[in-house]
Every structure is written in C-alpha cells, then in structure tokens.
C-alpha cells in the first residue's frame, strides 16, 4: 500500500504544472509559519527567549 501511494505521488509530481503548484503551496505555508513565528512570541502565555 505504501508503494502504491508513493508511486501515485511520484506520478503526480511528473507534471510540470503540479510541481509549480507544490512549490507555490510550500512557499505560502512557509511564509505563514514565519509570520506566526515572528509575530507571536508571547502568544499562549509563552515568554520570549
């Protein structure tokens, strides 16, 4: 089952438009992560280090 899923993902990434979509999604997710990390050091009762 794991091999089948891996093969399906590999086939999906073979298309150039899918690779571009994945890159854009990864960039967006990383920028959101950076914003949360940088803008909220005191959220949830945490103190900045």
Protein backbone atom coordinates (compact mmCIF):
# COMPACT_ATOMS: atom_id res chain seq x y z
CA UNK A 1 0.00 0.00 0.00
CA UNK A 2 2.82 2.44 0.84
CA UNK A 3 4.50 1.74 -2.50
CA UNK A 4 1.23 2.43 -4.32
CA UNK A 5 0.81 5.77 -2.56
CA UNK A 6 4.44 6.68 -3.27
CA UNK A 7 4.02 5.80 -6.94
CA UNK A 8 0.88 7.92 -7.18
CA UNK A 9 2.66 10.91 -5.64
CA UNK A 10 5.66 10.43 -7.95
CA UNK A 11 3.36 10.34 -10.99
CA UNK A 12 1.60 13.49 -9.79
CA UNK A 13 4.93 15.33 -9.46
CA UNK A 14 5.98 14.37 -13.00
CA UNK A 15 3.65 17.01 -14.44
CA UNK A 16 5.32 20.45 -14.50
CA UNK A 17 2.14 22.30 -13.51
CA UNK A 18 1.81 20.11 -10.41
CA UNK A 19 5.41 20.79 -9.44
CA UNK A 20 4.75 24.52 -9.71
CA UNK A 21 1.60 24.20 -7.59
CA UNK A 22 3.55 22.32 -4.93
CA UNK A 23 6.29 24.97 -4.89
CA UNK A 24 3.76 27.78 -4.50
CA UNK A 25 1.93 25.96 -1.72
CA UNK A 26 5.18 25.28 0.11
CA UNK A 27 6.24 28.94 -0.16
CA UNK A 28 2.86 30.10 1.16
CA UNK A 29 2.95 27.66 4.07
CA UNK A 30 6.50 28.67 4.98
CA UNK A 31 5.67 32.38 4.87
CA UNK A 32 2.66 31.79 7.13
CA UNK A 33 4.88 29.85 9.51
CA UNK A 34 7.45 32.65 9.55
CA UNK A 35 4.74 35.23 10.25
CA UNK A 36 3.39 33.23 13.17
CA UNK A 37 6.87 32.58 14.49
CA UNK A 38 7.97 36.20 14.22
CA UNK A 39 4.79 37.98 15.23
CA UNK A 40 3.65 35.98 18.21
CA UNK A 41 6.49 35.19 20.64
CA UNK A 42 4.25 35.97 23.64
CA UNK A 43 1.09 34.19 22.48
CA UNK A 44 -0.39 31.40 24.57
CA UNK A 45 1.34 32.66 27.70
CA UNK A 46 4.81 31.93 26.38
CA UNK A 47 7.65 34.28 27.16
CA UNK A 48 10.21 35.21 24.51
CA UNK A 49 13.56 33.53 24.90
